Amino acid sequence: MNLRNLLLRLLIALPFGMSAHAQVPDSVRQDWDNTFSIVARDPATGALGGAVSTARLSVGNRVLQVEYKVGAVASQANTNPLLARDALERLRQGGNATEALDVALRNDERREERQLSVIDAKGIQAAFTGSKPDDFKGHLMGKDCVVAGNILVGRETLEAMRTTFEVTVGTLADRLMAAMEAGQKAGGDRRGKISAAIVVLNEAPSANSYARNIDLRIDSSTDPVSELRGLYEAYKTAFRIK
């Protein structure tokens, strides 16, 4: 059966109540951002950010959305960047992370295909993992962070990320990078590794905020988290970021 016919069958089946636990065919799921990520904040400085890696190209252009003094969101699995946008909009209006998550997913007919993590500027956290992404899938709350992933080698990836973030000393970006390295060392995405990204807002965007804010991506690599570390260190040196 070709992909076109398969999609037509899925579209026909959905209105008649496809089970939330039904398996999504591999030919459809292969385009998902099956990945591991972290969103976090630094209560001392107000910085907000996130980091992510996956076995697909250019993950940095869609999974993470961060807004200074508002929050950080990671939308993955069957990624819909509009969900992260909606979550940030609710935070901007004064809602907390739990409310933002609810607003983003409330009318999403494909919510069981999603994975969404939110942390707001006050440190309130919320996360959702649908039933349809492949195992291992899940999320964990930590001190000032949320880690999440799917198609992982196991829970140990998330536990390593959370623990490393919590015990690492340094800036928010330093701690996010360390968490990603720990997640990759613990196994990461069990399909492999291709791309990675980190976004940290230490101040509101301005003409010169690039000298303190971080937005770095490795779009295609055999070792993206390691290359992201190299790029991050080079960026800090170039712009004298401490």
C-alpha atoms as a PDB file:
ATOM      1  CA  MET A   1       0.000   0.000   0.000  1.00  0.00           C
ATOM      2  CA  ASN A   2       1.459   3.390  -0.903  1.00  0.00           C
ATOM      3  CA  LEU A   3       1.597   6.325   1.503  1.00  0.00           C
ATOM      4  CA  ARG A   4      -1.208   8.210  -0.224  1.00  0.00           C
ATOM      5  CA  ASN A   5      -3.664   5.348   0.171  1.00  0.00           C
ATOM      6  CA  LEU A   6      -2.571   4.812   3.764  1.00  0.00           C
ATOM      7  CA  LEU A   7      -3.229   8.442   4.644  1.00  0.00           C
ATOM      8  CA  LEU A   8      -6.648   8.281   3.007  1.00  0.00           C
ATOM      9  CA  ARG A   9      -7.561   5.285   5.133  1.00  0.00           C
ATOM     10  CA  LEU A  10      -6.437   7.100   8.248  1.00  0.00           C
ATOM     11  CA  LEU A  11      -8.520  10.153   7.376  1.00  0.00           C
ATOM     12  CA  ILE A  12     -11.556   7.970   6.874  1.00  0.00           C
ATOM     13  CA  ALA A  13     -11.037   6.150  10.156  1.00  0.00           C
ATOM     14  CA  LEU A  14     -10.481   9.146  12.411  1.00  0.00           C
ATOM     15  CA  PRO A  15     -14.044  10.559  12.428  1.00  0.00           C
ATOM     16  CA  PHE A  16     -15.343   7.189  13.625  1.00  0.00           C
ATOM     17  CA  GLY A  17     -13.335   7.315  16.843  1.00  0.00           C
ATOM     18  CA  MET A  18      -9.956   5.708  16.287  1.00  0.00           C
ATOM     19  CA  SER A  19      -8.733   4.569  19.672  1.00  0.00           C
ATOM     20  CA  ALA A  20      -6.295   6.899  21.391  1.00  0.00           C
ATOM     21  CA  HIS A  21      -4.092   3.840  21.876  1.00  0.00           C
ATOM     22  CA  ALA A  22      -4.153   2.700  18.247  1.00  0.00           C
ATOM     23  CA  GLN A  23      -0.766   2.274  16.633  1.00  0.00           C
ATOM     24  CA  VAL A  24       0.340   4.938  14.184  1.00  0.00           C
ATOM     25  CA  PRO A  25       1.907   3.330  11.080  1.00  0.00           C
ATOM     26  CA  ASP A  26       5.667   3.733  10.714  1.00  0.00           C
ATOM     27  CA  SER A  27       5.208   5.348   7.287  1.00  0.00           C
ATOM     28  CA  VAL A  28       3.412   8.239   9.008  1.00  0.00           C
ATOM     29  CA  ARG A  29       5.404   8.340  12.257  1.00  0.00           C
ATOM     30  CA  GLN A  30       8.792   8.557  10.526  1.00  0.00           C
ATOM     31  CA  ASP A  31       8.323  12.306  10.101  1.00  0.00           C
ATOM     32  CA  TRP A  32       7.877  12.912  13.833  1.00  0.00           C
ATOM     33  CA  ASP A  33      10.477  14.606  16.032  1.00  0.00           C
ATOM     34  CA  ASN A  34      11.130  11.583  18.216  1.00  0.00           C
ATOM     35  CA  THR A  35      13.612  13.231  20.474  1.00  0.00           C
ATOM     36  CA  PHE A  36      14.849  14.247  23.919  1.00  0.00           C
ATOM     37  CA  SER A  37      14.638  17.768  25.267  1.00  0.00           C
ATOM     38  CA  ILE A  38      14.798  19.989  28.335  1.00  0.00           C
ATOM     39  CA  VAL A  39      13.181  23.337  29.122  1.00  0.00           C
ATOM     40  CA  ALA A  40      14.370  25.254  32.178  1.00  0.00           C
ATOM     41  CA  ARG A  41      14.842  28.547  33.978  1.00  0.00           C
ATOM     42  CA  ASP A  42      17.394  30.170  36.254  1.00  0.00           C
ATOM     43  CA  PRO A  43      15.525  31.739  39.193  1.00  0.00           C
ATOM     44  CA  ALA A  44      18.569  33.854  40.126  1.00  0.00           C
ATOM     45  CA  THR A  45      18.843  35.637  36.777  1.00  0.00           C
ATOM     46  CA  GLY A  46      15.412  35.137  35.178  1.00  0.00           C
ATOM     47  CA  ALA A  47      16.964  33.382  32.178  1.00  0.00           C
ATOM     48  CA  LEU A  48      14.744  30.902  30.310  1.00  0.00           C
ATOM     49  CA  GLY A  49      15.767  28.331  27.752  1.00  0.00           C
ATOM     50  CA  GLY A  50      15.780  24.862  26.346  1.00  0.00           C
ATOM     51  CA  ALA A  51      17.825  22.312  24.445  1.00  0.00           C
ATOM     52  CA  VAL A  52      16.912  19.412  22.172  1.00  0.00           C
ATOM     53  CA  SER A  53      18.365  16.642  20.004  1.00  0.00           C
ATOM     54  CA  THR A  54      16.851  14.146  17.587  1.00  0.00           C
ATOM     55  CA  ALA A  55      17.537  11.735  14.742  1.00  0.00           C
ATOM     56  CA  ARG A  56      16.063  14.106  12.149  1.00  0.00           C
ATOM     57  CA  LEU A  57      17.467  17.125  10.333  1.00  0.00           C
ATOM     58  CA  SER A  58      17.300  20.679  11.703  1.00  0.00           C
ATOM     59  CA  VAL A  59      15.406  20.134  14.940  1.00  0.00           C
ATOM     60  CA  GLY A  60      16.260  23.678  16.024  1.00  0.00           C
ATOM     61  CA  ASN A  61      13.806  25.254  13.605  1.00  0.00           C
ATOM     62  CA  ARG A  62      10.635  23.885  15.194  1.00  0.00           C
ATOM     63  CA  VAL A  63      10.719  22.215  18.637  1.00  0.00           C
ATOM     64  CA  LEU A  64      11.845  25.007  21.003  1.00  0.00           C
ATOM     65  CA  GLN A  65      10.158  28.350  21.585  1.00  0.00           C
ATOM     66  CA  VAL A  66      11.389  30.691  24.333  1.00  0.00           C
ATOM     67  CA  GLU A  67      10.295  34.164  25.393  1.00  0.00           C
ATOM     68  CA  TYR A  68      12.093  36.284  27.977  1.00  0.00           C
ATOM     69  CA  LYS A  69      10.144  36.763  31.246  1.00  0.00           C
ATOM     70  CA  VAL A  70       7.369  34.555  29.804  1.00  0.00           C
ATOM     71  CA  GLY A  71       8.415  30.916  29.460  1.00  0.00           C
ATOM     72  CA  ALA A  72       9.995  28.107  27.474  1.00  0.00           C
ATOM     73  CA  VAL A  73       8.151  25.394  25.559  1.00  0.00           C
ATOM     74  CA  ALA A  74       9.210  22.232  23.721  1.00  0.00           C
ATOM     75  CA  SER A  75       6.723  20.750  21.231  1.00  0.00           C
ATOM     76  CA  GLN A  76       7.828  17.352  19.928  1.00  0.00           C
ATOM     77  CA  ALA A  77       6.789  13.827  18.808  1.00  0.00           C
ATOM     78  CA  ASN A  78       4.316  14.786  16.060  1.00  0.00           C
ATOM     79  CA  THR A  79       5.545  18.371  16.349  1.00  0.00           C
ATOM     80  CA  ASN A  80       3.129  21.238  15.933  1.00  0.00           C
ATOM     81  CA  PRO A  81       4.946  24.550  16.564  1.00  0.00           C
ATOM     82  CA  LEU A  82       1.574  26.295  16.855  1.00  0.00           C
ATOM     83  CA  LEU A  83       0.970  24.482  20.145  1.00  0.00           C
ATOM     84  CA  ALA A  84       4.082  26.095  21.610  1.00  0.00           C
ATOM     85  CA  ARG A  85       2.945  29.444  20.236  1.00  0.00           C
ATOM     86  CA  ASP A  86      -0.463  29.051  21.891  1.00  0.00           C
ATOM     87  CA  ALA A  87       1.128  28.049  25.195  1.00  0.00           C
ATOM     88  CA  LEU A  88       3.368  31.132  25.185  1.00  0.00           C
ATOM     89  CA  GLU A  89       0.422  33.346  24.344  1.00  0.00           C
ATOM     90  CA  ARG A  90      -1.456  32.084  27.410  1.00  0.00           C
ATOM     91  CA  LEU A  91       1.617  32.712  29.559  1.00  0.00           C
ATOM     92  CA  ARG A  92       1.872  36.195  28.093  1.00  0.00           C
ATOM     93  CA  GLN A  93      -1.721  36.820  29.168  1.00  0.00           C
ATOM     94  CA  GLY A  94      -0.903  35.939  32.771  1.00  0.00           C
ATOM     95  CA  GLY A  95      -1.643  32.223  32.857  1.00  0.00           C
ATOM     96  CA  ASN A  96       0.694  29.703  34.429  1.00  0.00           C
ATOM     97  CA  ALA A  97       2.357  26.682  32.810  1.00  0.00           C
ATOM     98  CA  THR A  98      -0.492  24.315  33.690  1.00  0.00           C
ATOM     99  CA  GLU A  99      -3.057  26.623  32.122  1.00  0.00           C
ATOM    100  CA  ALA A 100      -0.852  27.172  29.083  1.00  0.00           C
ATOM    101  CA  LEU A 101      -0.531  23.438  28.498  1.00  0.00           C
ATOM    102  CA  ASP A 102      -4.288  22.983  28.783  1.00  0.00           C
ATOM    103  CA  VAL A 103      -5.018  25.810  26.340  1.00  0.00           C
ATOM    104  CA  ALA A 104      -2.526  24.477  23.804  1.00  0.00           C
ATOM    105  CA  LEU A 105      -3.911  20.928  23.800  1.00  0.00           C
ATOM    106  CA  ARG A 106      -7.586  21.534  24.541  1.00  0.00           C
ATOM    107  CA  ASN A 107      -8.804  21.484  20.954  1.00  0.00           C
ATOM    108  CA  ASP A 108      -6.019  19.394  19.434  1.00  0.00           C
ATOM    109  CA  GLU A 109      -7.626  16.358  17.815  1.00  0.00           C
ATOM    110  CA  ARG A 110      -4.185  14.713  17.552  1.00  0.00           C
ATOM    111  CA  ARG A 111      -3.084  15.363  21.120  1.00  0.00           C
ATOM    112  CA  GLU A 112      -2.265  11.695  21.723  1.00  0.00           C
ATOM    113  CA  GLU A 113       0.500  12.067  19.116  1.00  0.00           C
ATOM    114  CA  ARG A 114       2.067  15.029  20.926  1.00  0.00           C
ATOM    115  CA  GLN A 115       4.626  15.667  23.594  1.00  0.00           C
ATOM    116  CA  LEU A 116       4.630  19.151  25.108  1.00  0.00           C
ATOM    117  CA  SER A 117       6.733  20.609  27.955  1.00  0.00           C
ATOM    118  CA  VAL A 118       6.229  24.056  29.509  1.00  0.00           C
ATOM    119  CA  ILE A 119       8.016  26.054  32.199  1.00  0.00           C
ATOM    120  CA  ASP A 120       6.970  29.594  33.030  1.00  0.00           C
ATOM    121  CA  ALA A 121       8.941  32.533  34.380  1.00  0.00           C
ATOM    122  CA  LYS A 122       7.879  31.706  37.958  1.00  0.00           C
ATOM    123  CA  GLY A 123       9.139  28.138  37.651  1.00  0.00           C
ATOM    124  CA  ILE A 124       5.754  26.419  37.411  1.00  0.00           C
ATOM    125  CA  GLN A 125       6.035  23.343  35.210  1.00  0.00           C
ATOM    126  CA  ALA A 126       3.659  21.269  33.111  1.00  0.00           C
ATOM    127  CA  ALA A 127       4.096  18.451  30.607  1.00  0.00           C
ATOM    128  CA  PHE A 128       2.074  16.025  28.506  1.00  0.00           C
ATOM    129  CA  THR A 129       3.080  12.817  26.755  1.00  0.00           C
ATOM    130  CA  GLY A 130       0.482  11.262  24.464  1.00  0.00           C
ATOM    131  CA  SER A 131      -0.114   7.537  24.126  1.00  0.00           C
ATOM    132  CA  LYS A 132       0.930   7.176  20.480  1.00  0.00           C
ATOM    133  CA  PRO A 133       4.665   7.966  20.342  1.00  0.00           C
ATOM    134  CA  ASP A 134       6.821   4.853  20.605  1.00  0.00           C
ATOM    135  CA  ASP A 135       8.499   3.732  23.822  1.00  0.00           C
ATOM    136  CA  PHE A 136      10.403   4.611  25.689  1.00  0.00           C
ATOM    137  CA  LYS A 137       8.425   7.820  26.076  1.00  0.00           C
ATOM    138  CA  GLY A 138       7.793  10.062  29.042  1.00  0.00           C
ATOM    139  CA  HIS A 139       8.652  13.215  30.935  1.00  0.00           C
ATOM    140  CA  LEU A 140      10.073  14.132  34.345  1.00  0.00           C
ATOM    141  CA  MET A 141       9.869  17.281  36.430  1.00  0.00           C
ATOM    142  CA  GLY A 142      13.010  18.537  38.160  1.00  0.00           C
ATOM    143  CA  LYS A 143      14.089  21.597  40.077  1.00  0.00           C
ATOM    144  CA  ASP A 144      13.501  24.440  37.595  1.00  0.00           C
ATOM    145  CA  CYS A 145      13.399  22.053  34.624  1.00  0.00           C
ATOM    146  CA  VAL A 146      11.242  19.625  32.628  1.00  0.00           C
ATOM    147  CA  VAL A 147      12.824  16.824  30.592  1.00  0.00           C
ATOM    148  CA  ALA A 148      10.940  14.812  27.982  1.00  0.00           C
ATOM    149  CA  GLY A 149      11.563  12.319  25.218  1.00  0.00           C
ATOM    150  CA  ASN A 150      10.211   9.526  23.067  1.00  0.00           C
ATOM    151  CA  ILE A 151      11.754   6.608  21.162  1.00  0.00           C
ATOM    152  CA  LEU A 152      14.495   6.699  23.788  1.00  0.00           C
ATOM    153  CA  VAL A 153      16.653   3.804  24.895  1.00  0.00           C
ATOM    154  CA  GLY A 154      14.920   4.083  28.261  1.00  0.00           C
ATOM    155  CA  ARG A 155      13.977   6.193  31.271  1.00  0.00           C
ATOM    156  CA  GLU A 156      17.671   6.501  32.134  1.00  0.00           C
ATOM    157  CA  THR A 157      18.075   9.166  29.434  1.00  0.00           C
ATOM    158  CA  LEU A 158      15.604  11.467  31.180  1.00  0.00           C
ATOM    159  CA  GLU A 159      16.902  10.695  34.652  1.00  0.00           C
ATOM    160  CA  ALA A 160      20.465  11.493  33.594  1.00  0.00           C
ATOM    161  CA  MET A 161      19.354  14.812  32.090  1.00  0.00           C
ATOM    162  CA  ARG A 162      17.382  15.876  35.160  1.00  0.00           C
ATOM    163  CA  THR A 163      20.073  14.911  37.648  1.00  0.00           C
ATOM    164  CA  THR A 164      22.848  16.551  35.657  1.00  0.00           C
ATOM    165  CA  PHE A 165      20.926  19.788  35.248  1.00  0.00           C
ATOM    166  CA  GLU A 166      20.199  19.953  38.964  1.00  0.00           C
ATOM    167  CA  VAL A 167      23.797  19.352  40.110  1.00  0.00           C
ATOM    168  CA  THR A 168      25.675  21.354  37.458  1.00  0.00           C
ATOM    169  CA  VAL A 169      27.028  24.755  38.489  1.00  0.00           C
ATOM    170  CA  GLY A 170      27.096  27.614  35.982  1.00  0.00           C
ATOM    171  CA  THR A 171      24.838  29.631  33.742  1.00  0.00           C
ATOM    172  CA  LEU A 172      21.542  28.263  32.487  1.00  0.00           C
ATOM    173  CA  ALA A 173      23.155  27.548  29.115  1.00  0.00           C
ATOM    174  CA  ASP A 174      26.031  25.690  30.804  1.00  0.00           C
ATOM    175  CA  ARG A 175      23.547  23.520  32.695  1.00  0.00           C
ATOM    176  CA  LEU A 176      21.404  22.833  29.634  1.00  0.00           C
ATOM    177  CA  MET A 177      24.436  21.748  27.622  1.00  0.00           C
ATOM    178  CA  ALA A 178      25.561  19.451  30.427  1.00  0.00           C
ATOM    179  CA  ALA A 179      22.090  17.926  30.623  1.00  0.00           C
ATOM    180  CA  MET A 180      22.029  17.222  26.894  1.00  0.00           C
ATOM    181  CA  GLU A 181      25.443  15.598  27.041  1.00  0.00           C
ATOM    182  CA  ALA A 182      24.284  13.402  29.910  1.00  0.00           C
ATOM    183  CA  GLY A 183      21.154  12.412  28.000  1.00  0.00           C
ATOM    184  CA  GLN A 184      23.177  11.484  24.931  1.00  0.00           C
ATOM    185  CA  LYS A 185      25.681   9.520  27.027  1.00  0.00           C
ATOM    186  CA  ALA A 186      22.774   7.622  28.613  1.00  0.00           C
ATOM    187  CA  GLY A 187      21.539   6.563  25.171  1.00  0.00           C
ATOM    188  CA  GLY A 188      19.410   9.401  23.831  1.00  0.00           C
ATOM    189  CA  ASP A 189      17.226   8.751  20.779  1.00  0.00           C
ATOM    190  CA  ARG A 190      17.487   5.007  20.128  1.00  0.00           C
ATOM    191  CA  ARG A 191      17.277   5.516  16.346  1.00  0.00           C
ATOM    192  CA  GLY A 192      20.473   7.536  16.246  1.00  0.00           C
ATOM    193  CA  LYS A 193      21.470  11.221  16.225  1.00  0.00           C
ATOM    194  CA  ILE A 194      21.440  13.920  13.554  1.00  0.00           C
ATOM    195  CA  SER A 195      20.641  17.402  14.905  1.00  0.00           C
ATOM    196  CA  ALA A 196      20.624  19.434  18.128  1.00  0.00           C
ATOM    197  CA  ALA A 197      19.886  22.960  19.336  1.00  0.00           C
ATOM    198  CA  ILE A 198      20.031  25.221  22.364  1.00  0.00           C
ATOM    199  CA  VAL A 199      18.112  28.470  22.999  1.00  0.00           C
ATOM    200  CA  VAL A 200      18.624  30.662  26.075  1.00  0.00           C
ATOM    201  CA  LEU A 201      17.290  34.173  26.639  1.00  0.00           C
ATOM    202  CA  ASN A 202      19.227  36.027  29.323  1.00  0.00           C
ATOM    203  CA  GLU A 203      17.670  39.365  28.419  1.00  0.00           C
ATOM    204  CA  ALA A 204      14.947  40.834  26.232  1.00  0.00           C
ATOM    205  CA  PRO A 205      15.770  40.837  22.502  1.00  0.00           C
ATOM    206  CA  SER A 206      17.447  44.059  21.402  1.00  0.00           C
ATOM    207  CA  ALA A 207      19.955  45.297  18.848  1.00  0.00           C
ATOM    208  CA  ASN A 208      22.832  43.781  20.808  1.00  0.00           C
ATOM    209  CA  SER A 209      21.150  40.969  22.756  1.00  0.00           C
ATOM    210  CA  TYR A 210      22.840  38.322  20.588  1.00  0.00           C
ATOM    211  CA  ALA A 211      25.940  38.979  22.677  1.00  0.00           C
ATOM    212  CA  ARG A 212      24.198  37.493  25.743  1.00  0.00           C
ATOM    213  CA  ASN A 213      21.387  35.401  24.332  1.00  0.00           C
ATOM    214  CA  ILE A 214      22.095  31.964  22.888  1.00  0.00           C
ATOM    215  CA  ASP A 215      20.421  30.465  19.794  1.00  0.00           C
ATOM    216  CA  LEU A 216      22.650  27.784  18.291  1.00  0.00           C
ATOM    217  CA  ARG A 217      21.925  24.793  16.051  1.00  0.00           C
ATOM    218  CA  ILE A 218      23.628  21.779  14.549  1.00  0.00           C
ATOM    219  CA  ASP A 219      21.406  20.806  11.646  1.00  0.00           C
ATOM    220  CA  SER A 220      23.164  17.687  10.337  1.00  0.00           C
ATOM    221  CA  SER A 221      25.906  15.741  12.069  1.00  0.00           C
ATOM    222  CA  THR A 222      26.983  12.280  13.141  1.00  0.00           C
ATOM    223  CA  ASP A 223      27.499  13.654  16.665  1.00  0.00           C
ATOM    224  CA  PRO A 224      25.254  16.716  17.033  1.00  0.00           C
ATOM    225  CA  VAL A 225      25.352  17.173  20.812  1.00  0.00           C
ATOM    226  CA  SER A 226      29.147  17.084  20.828  1.00  0.00           C
ATOM    227  CA  GLU A 227      29.306  19.564  17.942  1.00  0.00           C
ATOM    228  CA  LEU A 228      26.760  21.788  19.691  1.00  0.00           C
ATOM    229  CA  ARG A 229      29.068  21.877  22.719  1.00  0.00           C
ATOM    230  CA  GLY A 230      31.958  22.962  20.491  1.00  0.00           C
ATOM    231  CA  LEU A 231      29.859  25.661  18.842  1.00  0.00           C
ATOM    232  CA  TYR A 232      28.602  26.863  22.221  1.00  0.00           C
ATOM    233  CA  GLU A 233      32.125  27.195  23.622  1.00  0.00           C
ATOM    234  CA  ALA A 234      33.278  29.032  20.493  1.00  0.00           C
ATOM    235  CA  TYR A 235      30.295  31.403  20.719  1.00  0.00           C
ATOM    236  CA  LYS A 236      31.016  32.189  24.371  1.00  0.00           C
ATOM    237  CA  THR A 237      34.613  33.018  23.493  1.00  0.00           C
ATOM    238  CA  ALA A 238      33.716  35.123  20.474  1.00  0.00           C
ATOM    239  CA  PHE A 239      31.153  37.241  22.336  1.00  0.00           C
ATOM    240  CA  ARG A 240      32.857  37.129  25.742  1.00  0.00           C
ATOM    241  CA  ILE A 241      29.899  35.437  27.392  1.00  0.00           C
ATOM    242  CA  LYS A 242      30.617  34.361  30.968  1.00  0.00           C
END
